[in-house]
C-alpha atoms as a PDB file:
ATOM      1  CA  MET A   1       7.844  -2.023   7.162  1.00  0.00           C
ATOM      2  CA  ALA A   2      10.157  -0.112   4.464  1.00  0.00           C
ATOM      3  CA  LEU A   3       9.731   1.279   0.927  1.00  0.00           C
ATOM      4  CA  ARG A   4      12.747   0.821  -1.876  1.00  0.00           C
ATOM      5  CA  PRO A   5      11.675   2.751  -5.126  1.00  0.00           C
ATOM      6  CA  GLU A   6      12.748   1.094  -8.044  1.00  0.00           C
ATOM      7  CA  PRO A   7      11.636   1.646 -11.819  1.00  0.00           C
ATOM      8  CA  PHE A   8       8.896  -0.246 -11.722  1.00  0.00           C
ATOM      9  CA  GLY A   9       7.352   0.655  -8.433  1.00  0.00           C
ATOM     10  CA  ALA A  10       8.767  -0.320  -5.252  1.00  0.00           C
ATOM     11  CA  LEU A  11      10.120  -2.877  -3.282  1.00  0.00           C
ATOM     12  CA  ALA A  12       8.353  -3.441   0.229  1.00  0.00           C
ATOM     13  CA  TYR A  13      10.436  -4.993   2.955  1.00  0.00           C
ATOM     14  CA  ASP A  14       8.403  -5.749   5.961  1.00  0.00           C
ATOM     15  CA  PHE A  15      10.677  -6.335   8.981  1.00  0.00           C
ATOM     16  CA  THR A  16       8.325  -8.515  11.124  1.00  0.00           C
ATOM     17  CA  THR A  17       7.376 -11.449   8.536  1.00  0.00           C
ATOM     18  CA  ARG A  18      10.597 -10.908   6.463  1.00  0.00           C
ATOM     19  CA  ARG A  19       8.577 -10.746   3.325  1.00  0.00           C
ATOM     20  CA  LEU A  20       9.388  -9.051   0.489  1.00  0.00           C
ATOM     21  CA  SER A  21       6.492  -7.734  -1.640  1.00  0.00           C
ATOM     22  CA  PHE A  22       6.707  -6.340  -4.990  1.00  0.00           C
ATOM     23  CA  LEU A  23       4.999  -3.265  -5.741  1.00  0.00           C
ATOM     24  CA  LYS A  24       4.302  -2.854  -9.087  1.00  0.00           C
ATOM     25  CA  SER A  25       2.809   0.753 -10.305  1.00  0.00           C
ATOM     26  CA  LEU A  26       4.141   4.306  -8.829  1.00  0.00           C
ATOM     27  CA  GLU A  27      -0.029   4.765  -8.003  1.00  0.00           C
ATOM     28  CA  LEU A  28       0.731   2.129  -5.086  1.00  0.00           C
ATOM     29  CA  VAL A  29       3.503   3.333  -3.922  1.00  0.00           C
ATOM     30  CA  GLU A  30       2.064   6.475  -3.807  1.00  0.00           C
ATOM     31  CA  VAL A  31      -1.165   4.854  -1.830  1.00  0.00           C
ATOM     32  CA  VAL A  32       0.453   3.249   0.457  1.00  0.00           C
ATOM     33  CA  ARG A  33       2.989   5.929   1.396  1.00  0.00           C
ATOM     34  CA  SER A  34      -0.057   8.256   2.101  1.00  0.00           C
ATOM     35  CA  LEU A  35      -1.874   5.572   4.068  1.00  0.00           C
ATOM     36  CA  GLU A  36      -1.469   6.542   7.096  1.00  0.00           C
ATOM     37  CA  HIS A  37      -2.137  10.290   6.463  1.00  0.00           C
ATOM     38  CA  HIS A  38      -5.802   9.884   5.363  1.00  0.00           C
ATOM     39  CA  PRO A  39      -9.235   8.290   7.128  1.00  0.00           C
ATOM     40  CA  ASP A  40      -9.368   5.300   4.638  1.00  0.00           C
ATOM     41  CA  VAL A  41      -8.334   3.333   1.741  1.00  0.00           C
ATOM     42  CA  HIS A  42     -10.591   5.361  -0.465  1.00  0.00           C
ATOM     43  CA  ALA A  43      -9.672   8.939   0.691  1.00  0.00           C
ATOM     44  CA  ALA A  44      -6.056   7.833   0.194  1.00  0.00           C
ATOM     45  CA  LEU A  45      -6.947   6.844  -3.667  1.00  0.00           C
ATOM     46  CA  GLU A  46      -8.445  10.309  -4.389  1.00  0.00           C
ATOM     47  CA  ALA A  47      -5.700  12.273  -2.554  1.00  0.00           C
ATOM     48  CA  ALA A  48      -3.279  10.421  -5.137  1.00  0.00           C
ATOM     49  CA  ALA A  49      -5.198  11.348  -7.908  1.00  0.00           C
ATOM     50  CA  VAL A  50      -5.922   7.932  -8.850  1.00  0.00           C
ATOM     51  CA  PRO A  51      -8.403   7.546 -11.895  1.00  0.00           C
ATOM     52  CA  THR A  52     -11.615   5.825 -10.767  1.00  0.00           C
ATOM     53  CA  GLU A  53     -11.305   2.909 -13.468  1.00  0.00           C
ATOM     54  CA  ARG A  54      -7.668   1.894 -11.502  1.00  0.00           C
ATOM     55  CA  HIS A  55      -9.006   1.730  -8.186  1.00  0.00           C
ATOM     56  CA  ARG A  56     -10.088  -1.885  -8.232  1.00  0.00           C
ATOM     57  CA  PRO A  57      -6.529  -3.375  -9.361  1.00  0.00           C
ATOM     58  CA  LEU A  58      -4.948  -0.961  -6.518  1.00  0.00           C
ATOM     59  CA  LEU A  59      -7.845  -2.600  -4.183  1.00  0.00           C
ATOM     60  CA  THR A  60      -6.834  -6.047  -5.049  1.00  0.00           C
ATOM     61  CA  ALA A  61      -2.717  -5.012  -4.481  1.00  0.00           C
ATOM     62  CA  LEU A  62      -4.045  -3.385  -1.066  1.00  0.00           C
ATOM     63  CA  ALA A  63      -5.883  -6.624   0.014  1.00  0.00           C
ATOM     64  CA  ALA A  64      -3.004  -8.824  -0.946  1.00  0.00           C
ATOM     65  CA  LEU A  65      -0.813  -6.541   1.369  1.00  0.00           C
ATOM     66  CA  SER A  66      -3.200  -6.811   3.834  1.00  0.00           C
ATOM     67  CA  ASP A  67      -3.589 -10.245   3.843  1.00  0.00           C
ATOM     68  CA  ALA A  68       0.201 -10.728   3.475  1.00  0.00           C
ATOM     69  CA  GLY A  69       0.383  -8.979   6.872  1.00  0.00           C
ATOM     70  CA  THR A  70       2.655  -6.275   5.465  1.00  0.00           C
ATOM     71  CA  ILE A  71       0.172  -3.525   6.045  1.00  0.00           C
ATOM     72  CA  GLU A  72      -2.612  -3.368   8.587  1.00  0.00           C
ATOM     73  CA  PRO A  73      -6.196  -2.033   9.046  1.00  0.00           C
ATOM     74  CA  ARG A  74      -6.109   1.264  11.364  1.00  0.00           C
ATOM     75  CA  GLY A  75      -6.416   0.606  14.721  1.00  0.00           C
ATOM     76  CA  SER A  76      -4.874  -3.185  14.734  1.00  0.00           C
ATOM     77  CA  VAL A  77      -1.483  -2.268  15.674  1.00  0.00           C
ATOM     78  CA  ALA A  78      -0.473  -3.904  19.014  1.00  0.00           C
ATOM     79  CA  ALA A  79       0.524  -1.003  21.407  1.00  0.00           C
END
């Protein structure tokens, strides 16, 4: 996946599926970029200093990216 910064957040392009996704907040972009550096999504939200009331919408957006195959749960990447 590649992220291209945009004023609204970023465009995420998945080279495998050729799917383009719009990340519509800078918070979401920061969390997506940091996922690989944290043990789980909740730690990434905390590290990005996302307010608790914003967790639910970001978790929903992350779930949509996961459902689309743009991001994958840790350990599910084929070797």
